[in-house]
Protein backbone atom coordinates (compact mmCIF):
# COMPACT_ATOMS: atom_id res chain seq x y z
CA MET A 1 103.35 79.06 74.52
CA PRO A 2 104.98 80.76 71.31
CA LYS A 3 104.08 84.35 70.18
CA GLN A 4 102.44 84.66 66.96
CA GLY A 5 102.27 88.09 65.97
CA GLN A 6 103.09 91.54 67.73
CA SER A 7 99.19 91.71 68.75
CA VAL A 8 98.80 88.71 70.17
CA GLU A 9 98.68 88.43 74.08
CA SER A 10 96.87 84.94 74.24
CA CYS A 11 96.69 81.84 72.72
CA ILE A 12 93.86 78.82 73.71
CA ILE A 13 94.93 75.45 73.55
CA SER A 14 92.86 73.22 70.86
CA LYS A 15 94.17 69.67 71.03
CA TRP A 16 96.60 67.46 72.79
CA TYR A 17 98.45 65.23 70.76
CA LYS A 18 100.41 63.33 73.44
CA LYS A 19 99.72 62.44 76.86
CA LYS A 20 101.56 62.97 80.34
CA GLY A 21 104.52 60.39 80.39
CA ASP A 22 103.90 59.87 77.02
CA GLN A 23 107.73 59.11 75.20
CA VAL A 24 108.20 62.13 72.28
CA LYS A 25 110.58 62.73 69.62
CA LYS A 26 111.97 66.05 68.03
CA GLY A 27 109.72 67.26 65.68
CA ASP A 28 106.60 64.82 66.99
CA LEU A 29 103.40 67.14 67.50
CA LEU A 30 102.69 68.43 70.80
CA PHE A 31 99.73 70.12 71.03
CA ALA A 32 97.64 72.49 68.79
CA TYR A 33 96.56 75.99 69.44
CA GLU A 34 94.70 79.01 68.25
CA THR A 35 94.74 82.76 68.03
CA ASP A 36 91.60 84.74 67.17
CA LYS A 37 92.75 84.49 63.60
CA ALA A 38 94.38 81.19 62.81
CA SER A 39 95.15 77.97 64.18
CA PHE A 40 98.80 76.59 64.41
CA GLU A 41 101.02 73.26 65.51
CA GLU A 42 103.82 72.95 68.08
CA GLU A 43 106.44 70.26 67.79
CA ALA A 44 108.73 68.86 70.44
CA PRO A 45 111.91 70.72 70.65
CA ALA A 46 113.79 67.59 71.84
CA ASP A 47 113.79 63.97 72.62
CA GLY A 48 112.28 62.44 75.84
CA TYR A 49 109.20 61.76 77.82
CA LEU A 50 106.19 64.60 78.53
CA ILE A 51 106.57 64.84 82.26
CA GLU A 52 104.28 67.38 82.85
CA ILE A 53 100.97 69.01 81.25
CA LEU A 54 100.45 72.79 82.79
CA TYR A 55 97.49 73.53 80.70
CA ASN A 56 94.13 71.45 79.63
CA GLU A 57 92.43 72.05 75.86
CA GLY A 58 90.28 75.00 75.69
CA ASP A 59 92.75 76.90 78.13
CA GLU A 60 93.86 80.03 77.11
CA VAL A 61 97.45 80.59 77.71
CA LEU A 62 99.61 83.62 77.93
CA VAL A 63 102.17 84.25 75.61
CA LEU A 64 105.75 82.82 75.95
CA THR A 65 104.10 81.02 78.81
CA PRO A 66 105.37 77.41 80.19
CA VAL A 67 102.90 74.99 78.72
CA CYS A 68 104.90 71.66 79.31
CA TYR A 69 107.84 69.83 80.33
CA ILE A 70 110.14 67.17 78.74
CA GLY A 71 112.85 65.42 80.05
CA GLU A 72 113.76 62.08 81.30
CA LYS A 73 111.18 59.12 82.70
CA GLY A 74 110.51 59.84 85.99
CA GLU A 75 111.77 62.79 86.31
CA LYS A 76 110.13 65.64 88.20
CA VAL A 77 109.82 69.59 88.08
CA ALA A 78 109.52 71.67 90.62
CA VAL A 79 106.24 73.48 89.40
CA SER A 80 102.90 74.04 90.61
CA LYS A 81 99.98 72.93 87.93
CA GLN A 82 97.16 75.40 87.28
CA ALA A 83 94.85 74.00 89.55
CA GLU A 84 97.32 74.35 92.38
CA SER A 85 98.36 77.63 90.95
CA LYS A 86 94.60 79.26 91.71
CA GLU A 87 94.79 78.27 95.72
CA THR A 88 98.16 80.40 96.10
CA SER A 89 97.36 83.59 97.18
CA ALA A 90 100.83 85.20 97.38
CA PRO A 91 102.17 86.06 93.42
CA LYS A 92 103.94 83.41 91.54
CA THR A 93 106.80 83.37 89.61
CA GLU A 94 107.83 80.78 87.47
CA SER A 95 111.44 80.82 85.45
CA VAL A 96 112.31 78.34 82.39
CA SER A 97 116.34 78.44 82.07
CA ALA A 98 116.09 76.70 78.59
CA ASN A 99 114.71 80.29 77.07
CA ASN A 100 114.89 82.48 79.69
CA VAL A 101 111.65 83.13 80.05
CA GLN A 102 109.52 84.56 83.04
CA GLN A 103 106.55 84.66 84.15
CA VAL A 104 104.97 86.88 86.78
CA ILE A 105 101.17 87.06 87.64
CA VAL A 106 100.56 90.05 89.63
CA PRO A 107 97.22 90.35 91.97
CA ILE A 108 95.75 93.65 90.46
CA GLU A 109 93.27 93.99 93.61
CA ASN A 110 92.90 92.85 97.15
CA THR A 111 89.47 92.14 98.98
CA GLY A 112 90.79 91.05 101.80
CA SER A 113 90.92 86.73 101.57
CA ASP A 114 90.56 86.84 97.83
CA ARG A 115 92.60 88.41 95.23
CA VAL A 116 91.49 89.33 91.58
CA MET A 117 93.59 88.90 88.62
CA ILE A 118 92.78 90.80 85.90
CA SER A 119 94.25 92.23 82.94
CA PRO A 120 95.33 95.82 82.44
CA ARG A 121 92.96 96.29 79.30
CA ALA A 122 90.26 94.32 80.93
CA ARG A 123 90.21 96.80 83.99
CA LYS A 124 90.12 99.97 82.06
CA LEU A 125 87.48 98.43 79.66
CA ALA A 126 85.33 97.73 83.10
CA GLU A 127 86.43 100.96 84.95
CA LEU A 128 85.28 103.27 81.50
CA ASN A 129 81.98 101.34 81.56
CA ASN A 130 81.35 101.18 85.63
CA ILE A 131 80.74 97.53 85.48
CA ASN A 132 82.27 96.05 88.80
CA TYR A 133 84.97 93.40 88.26
CA LEU A 134 85.22 91.85 91.38
CA ASN A 135 82.36 89.54 90.74
CA VAL A 136 82.97 88.58 87.16
CA LYS A 137 84.49 85.34 86.22
CA GLY A 138 87.86 85.21 84.25
CA SER A 139 88.30 82.75 81.20
CA GLY A 140 92.29 83.62 81.22
CA PRO A 141 94.77 81.45 82.56
CA LEU A 142 94.68 80.83 86.51
CA GLY A 143 91.30 82.34 86.14
CA ARG A 144 92.68 86.01 85.36
CA ILE A 145 89.63 88.40 83.96
CA ILE A 146 90.59 89.39 80.47
CA GLU A 147 89.24 91.97 78.28
CA ASN A 148 87.19 89.49 76.71
CA ASP A 149 85.50 89.05 79.88
CA ILE A 150 84.86 92.23 80.48
CA ALA A 151 83.29 92.94 76.93
CA MET A 152 80.96 90.14 77.54
CA VAL A 153 79.74 91.71 80.47
CA VAL A 154 79.03 95.28 78.94
CA ALA A 155 76.89 93.73 76.42
CA ASN A 156 74.90 92.01 78.25
CA LYS A 157 74.30 95.21 80.64
CA SER A 158 73.78 98.08 77.94
CA LYS A 159 70.92 95.36 76.24
CA ALA A 160 69.06 95.09 79.81
CA THR A 161 66.59 97.18 81.74
CA PRO A 162 67.24 97.54 85.14
CA LEU A 163 64.06 95.69 86.02
CA ALA A 164 65.19 92.67 83.70
CA ARG A 165 68.41 92.56 85.30
CA LYS A 166 67.04 92.41 88.80
CA VAL A 167 64.54 89.51 87.60
CA ALA A 168 67.39 87.86 86.29
CA GLU A 169 69.32 87.88 89.38
CA VAL A 170 66.93 87.09 91.64
CA GLU A 171 65.62 84.22 89.25
CA LYS A 172 69.28 83.22 88.77
CA ILE A 173 68.58 83.40 85.05
CA GLU A 174 71.14 84.22 82.51
CA LEU A 175 70.41 87.23 80.52
CA PRO A 176 69.66 86.83 76.96
CA GLN A 177 72.09 88.49 74.56
CA THR A 178 69.09 90.06 72.97
CA GLY A 179 65.13 91.18 73.88
CA SER A 180 62.00 92.04 72.09
CA GLY A 181 62.55 96.00 72.95
CA TYR A 182 63.96 98.70 70.68
CA ASN A 183 66.74 97.89 69.26
CA GLY A 184 67.26 94.06 71.09
CA LYS A 185 67.09 95.73 74.30
CA VAL A 186 66.38 92.92 76.88
CA LEU A 187 62.97 93.45 78.77
CA LYS A 188 61.74 91.79 81.70
CA ASP A 189 59.18 89.38 79.73
CA ASP A 190 62.48 88.05 77.79
CA VAL A 191 63.99 87.09 81.02
CA LEU A 192 60.66 85.18 82.40
CA SER A 193 60.10 83.98 78.84
CA THR A 194 63.31 82.52 79.02
CA SER A 195 63.13 80.78 82.15
CA ALA A 196 59.57 79.28 80.79
CA ASN A 197 61.36 78.00 77.86
CA ASP A 198 64.26 76.28 78.99
CA SER A 199 63.30 73.41 78.32
CA ASP A 200 62.55 73.42 74.79
CA VAL A 201 66.04 75.24 74.33
CA GLU A 202 69.44 73.99 73.86
CA VAL A 203 72.03 76.52 75.59
CA LYS A 204 75.60 75.99 73.54
CA GLU A 205 78.53 77.68 74.67
CA LEU A 206 80.23 80.23 72.46
CA SER A 207 83.62 78.99 71.17
CA ASN A 208 86.33 81.00 72.47
CA LEU A 209 87.15 82.42 68.71
CA ARG A 210 83.81 83.66 68.50
CA LYS A 211 83.76 85.01 71.75
CA ILE A 212 86.73 87.16 70.27
CA ILE A 213 84.91 87.97 67.00
CA ALA A 214 81.88 89.09 69.45
CA SER A 215 83.91 91.05 71.07
CA ARG A 216 85.82 92.72 68.68
CA MET A 217 82.67 93.37 66.62
CA LEU A 218 81.08 95.05 69.45
CA GLU A 219 84.21 97.16 70.35
CA SER A 220 83.88 98.31 66.27
CA LEU A 221 80.49 99.14 66.30
CA GLN A 222 80.83 101.03 70.34
CA ASN A 223 83.78 103.39 68.65
CA THR A 224 83.44 104.07 65.14
CA ALA A 225 81.02 106.64 63.15
CA GLN A 226 79.73 103.77 60.60
CA LEU A 227 77.44 104.68 57.89
CA THR A 228 77.42 102.61 54.73
CA LEU A 229 76.49 103.63 51.34
CA HIS A 230 74.57 101.38 48.80
CA SER A 231 74.97 101.37 45.03
CA THR A 232 75.01 99.42 41.80
CA ALA A 233 77.61 98.85 39.01
CA ASP A 234 76.89 98.04 35.55
CA ALA A 235 78.27 94.26 35.04
CA ARG A 236 77.85 93.63 31.59
CA HIS A 237 81.65 94.27 31.08
CA ILE A 238 83.10 92.22 33.91
CA LEU A 239 80.27 89.42 32.73
CA ASN A 240 81.91 89.36 29.23
CA GLN A 241 85.33 89.73 30.68
CA ARG A 242 84.79 86.54 32.54
CA LYS A 243 83.69 84.78 29.53
CA VAL A 244 86.59 85.90 27.98
CA PHE A 245 89.09 84.66 30.43
CA LYS A 246 87.49 81.18 30.50
CA SER A 247 87.93 80.65 26.83
CA LYS A 248 91.66 81.45 27.63
CA ASN A 249 91.90 79.11 30.46
CA VAL A 250 92.60 81.84 32.50
CA ASN A 251 91.22 81.22 36.07
CA ILE A 252 90.08 84.76 36.90
CA THR A 253 86.57 85.35 38.82
CA ILE A 254 84.51 88.16 39.15
CA ASN A 255 85.23 88.32 42.49
CA ASP A 256 88.93 89.11 41.43
CA MET A 257 88.13 91.72 39.06
CA ILE A 258 86.05 93.41 41.95
CA CYS A 259 89.16 93.26 43.88
CA TYR A 260 91.57 94.26 41.46
CA ALA A 261 88.83 97.55 41.02
CA VAL A 262 89.05 98.68 44.25
CA VAL A 263 92.86 98.55 44.11
CA ARG A 264 92.91 101.16 41.07
CA ALA A 265 90.09 103.21 43.08
CA LEU A 266 91.84 103.29 46.44
CA LEU A 267 95.12 104.64 44.35
CA GLN A 268 92.25 107.91 43.40
CA HIS A 269 91.24 107.85 46.89
CA SER A 270 93.81 107.86 49.61
CA ASN A 271 91.55 108.97 52.48
CA MET A 272 89.92 105.41 51.98
CA ASN A 273 93.08 103.53 52.26
CA ALA A 274 93.91 104.31 55.79
CA HIS A 275 93.39 104.16 59.52
CA LEU A 276 92.17 106.23 61.94
CA THR A 277 93.97 106.68 65.35
CA GLY A 278 92.53 108.84 67.97
CA THR A 279 92.50 112.21 66.38
CA SER A 280 94.85 111.19 63.60
CA LEU A 281 94.32 109.79 59.94
CA LYS A 282 97.03 106.94 59.10
CA LEU A 283 97.23 107.24 55.17
CA PHE A 284 99.27 104.21 53.81
CA LYS A 285 101.42 104.59 50.31
CA GLY A 286 100.60 100.93 49.35
CA ILE A 287 97.77 99.53 49.54
CA HIS A 288 97.48 96.17 51.47
CA LEU A 289 93.73 94.73 50.76
CA GLY A 290 92.05 92.40 53.33
CA ILE A 291 90.30 89.76 51.68
CA ALA A 292 87.16 88.39 53.71
CA VAL A 293 87.45 84.31 53.82
CA ASP A 294 84.20 82.04 55.30
CA THR A 295 86.05 78.87 56.75
CA ALA A 296 84.88 76.13 58.83
CA ARG A 297 86.38 77.94 62.81
CA GLY A 298 85.04 81.24 61.54
CA LEU A 299 85.52 84.40 59.15
CA MET A 300 89.55 85.26 58.54
CA VAL A 301 91.03 88.39 56.27
CA PRO A 302 94.21 87.43 54.92
CA VAL A 303 96.36 90.16 53.64
CA ILE A 304 97.84 91.02 50.32
CA LYS A 305 100.51 93.45 50.95
CA ASN A 306 101.54 95.76 48.49
CA ALA A 307 98.25 94.75 45.82
CA HIS A 308 98.74 98.19 43.86
CA TYR A 309 101.94 96.32 42.56
CA LEU A 310 100.15 93.30 41.07
CA SER A 311 98.84 92.32 37.50
CA LEU A 312 95.01 91.55 37.66
CA GLU A 313 96.44 87.77 37.36
CA GLY A 314 99.01 88.33 40.01
CA LEU A 315 96.08 89.62 42.15
CA ALA A 316 93.59 86.45 41.37
CA ALA A 317 96.67 84.27 41.90
CA ASN A 318 97.40 85.72 45.28
CA ILE A 319 93.50 85.64 46.44
CA LYS A 320 93.20 82.09 45.89
CA ASP A 321 96.38 81.33 47.89
CA VAL A 322 95.78 83.08 51.02
CA ALA A 323 91.96 81.98 51.00
CA ALA A 324 93.26 78.14 50.35
CA LYS A 325 95.76 78.66 53.26
CA CYS A 326 93.02 80.05 55.28
CA GLN A 327 90.80 77.17 54.71
CA GLN A 328 93.15 74.68 55.52
CA GLY A 329 94.70 76.55 58.56
CA SER A 330 97.76 77.14 57.55
CA ILE A 331 98.13 80.67 56.97
CA ASP A 332 100.97 82.25 58.46
CA LEU A 333 99.63 85.35 61.10
CA SER A 334 101.61 88.06 59.20
CA LEU A 335 99.12 87.65 56.51
CA LEU A 336 96.25 88.67 58.67
CA GLU A 337 97.32 91.24 60.17
CA GLY A 338 97.73 95.15 58.24
CA ALA A 339 95.37 95.72 56.04
CA SER A 340 94.25 99.19 54.86
CA PHE A 341 90.77 98.48 53.47
CA THR A 342 88.62 95.25 53.16
CA VAL A 343 86.27 93.65 50.87
CA THR A 344 83.89 90.55 51.78
CA ASN A 345 81.72 89.14 49.46
CA LEU A 346 78.64 87.40 50.10
CA GLY A 347 77.08 87.56 46.57
CA ALA A 348 77.65 83.89 45.98
CA LEU A 349 75.23 83.22 48.80
CA GLY A 350 72.12 84.97 47.59
CA VAL A 351 72.91 88.44 49.33
CA ASP A 352 72.26 91.64 47.28
CA TYR A 353 72.65 94.37 49.70
CA PHE A 354 73.85 94.13 53.34
CA THR A 355 75.91 96.51 56.07
CA PRO A 356 79.19 94.75 56.27
CA VAL A 357 81.30 96.11 59.44
CA LEU A 358 84.43 98.04 59.79
CA ASN A 359 87.62 95.98 60.72
CA ALA A 360 88.57 99.19 63.13
CA PRO A 361 91.43 100.91 62.65
CA GLN A 362 90.47 100.84 58.95
CA VAL A 363 88.04 103.43 57.85
CA GLY A 364 86.07 101.64 54.78
CA ILE A 365 85.05 97.99 53.92
CA LEU A 366 83.23 97.20 51.12
CA GLY A 367 80.50 94.98 50.91
CA VAL A 368 79.98 92.57 47.34
CA GLY A 369 76.21 91.52 46.55
CA GLY A 370 74.95 89.44 43.98
CA ILE A 371 73.95 90.50 40.46
CA ASN A 372 70.60 91.38 39.53
CA HIS A 373 68.61 92.69 36.24
CA LYS A 374 67.66 96.32 36.42
CA PRO A 375 65.55 98.73 34.05
CA ALA A 376 68.20 101.11 32.47
CA GLU A 377 68.36 102.70 28.94
CA LEU A 378 70.09 100.97 26.38
CA GLU A 379 70.01 103.86 23.88
CA ALA A 380 68.06 106.68 23.30
CA GLY A 381 64.50 105.87 23.78
CA ILE A 382 64.99 102.02 24.14
CA ILE A 383 64.54 100.43 28.03
CA GLY A 384 66.08 97.29 28.85
CA PHE A 385 66.96 95.09 31.68
CA VAL A 386 70.86 95.12 32.30
CA PRO A 387 72.58 93.18 34.57
CA HIS A 388 74.25 95.57 37.85
CA LEU A 389 76.43 94.55 40.82
CA ALA A 390 75.30 95.45 44.02
CA LEU A 391 78.03 97.49 46.48
CA SER A 392 78.02 98.37 49.90
CA LEU A 393 80.84 101.01 51.25
CA THR A 394 80.55 101.28 55.25
CA PHE A 395 83.06 103.91 56.12
CA ASP A 396 83.87 105.75 59.13
CA HIS A 397 81.87 109.02 59.54
CA ARG A 398 84.71 110.84 61.47
CA ALA A 399 87.62 110.37 58.90
CA THR A 400 85.81 111.13 55.56
CA ASP A 401 82.34 112.54 54.56
CA GLY A 402 79.58 110.75 52.53
CA ALA A 403 80.53 112.65 49.11
CA ASN A 404 83.96 111.72 49.16
CA ALA A 405 82.84 108.02 49.81
CA ALA A 406 80.36 108.21 47.02
CA ARG A 407 82.62 109.23 44.55
CA PHE A 408 85.20 106.55 45.78
CA LEU A 409 81.97 104.10 45.00
CA GLN A 410 81.67 105.82 41.62
CA GLU A 411 85.40 105.13 40.86
CA ILE A 412 85.37 101.56 41.83
CA THR A 413 82.38 101.55 38.93
CA LYS A 414 84.29 102.69 36.62
CA GLN A 415 87.36 100.84 37.09
CA LEU A 416 85.05 97.93 36.34
CA GLN A 417 84.37 99.03 32.97
CA GLN A 418 88.35 99.04 32.57
CA ILE A 419 89.15 95.33 33.22
CA ASN A 420 91.38 93.91 30.70
CA LEU A 421 94.14 91.41 31.08
């Protein structure tokens, strides 16, 4: 399994293009795989026959782990398949001389006849939340418990009362994600209602990508002090500029202008162009702007590196380029990492205000809503309706105060009035 980026620990096989026993040519597509951010396709590195497939579609595979073998027709390889490996009680090592890669799976916990395989990050999260991981079903390779498995247990545990959990255990009912109690707390009646209405609902398993996104959003909300400020900006200037650009056949959108204004504002407010790690604030000299893009696979956030060097036209072209690659599934993973600040726009979907969730460790994210008319003073004593753009800034209160965040919003509004080619 190829390693796509420094932070990627595993990938999910989404499709096999060849079957065991098929003849393959160098360059033929073997399989497709995906991370939580992008999808890729792997080509055959040599001519031959696909003599062994170790993982099925939907399996999560650790990076640099053998996925399949190509050899001569009828050739056998001395390697156990995935299903057989689960029955082996001793630690197992697989070696591949072609690329000098070794896979070592070491059981962490010995409970007698059974051994539990769990990643270090998953075990740490379990210990922090007092989770007994010995009974957790792992979704990783060879049944290994990964961080996302523990995160899902934490999410269910934190939202259910002790009585609700007991009823679910006795009745053998899966706890619902949210309930009718305060802040979505799952109560006993929610569990019983779930049981009564089983015939009226369709249970749809979350995709692997959705599970990863859910885990990271939950982690962001649990580990940061998020606060959102809502404001509006006079939109008359950018609406007029949009007409000017159209008349000159220049394809610059309202969103492009907003992103450009954000970049200029970040130059004046470096405390918002930062990452908070532990007790340290990492201030970036360059502005690496994340742009939230809605795709069929889910939300993706490509990054425009060093956006402060780009003109308005240059920034607009870069935004369109990375957005198109995200939609096509051809975005390079390096362009999905390293954002110092993010912009997400739901205005086109009829949303005015919303509360965007931080992409931790970033300390700020701007949510852009729709443009609506509100009363304002046109000149002395004359009131009229003026188009205003809705802005929602979520920031980490540990890194900065509300007044500083408000001044940053004011600077964005100021920069919007200065947009020109």
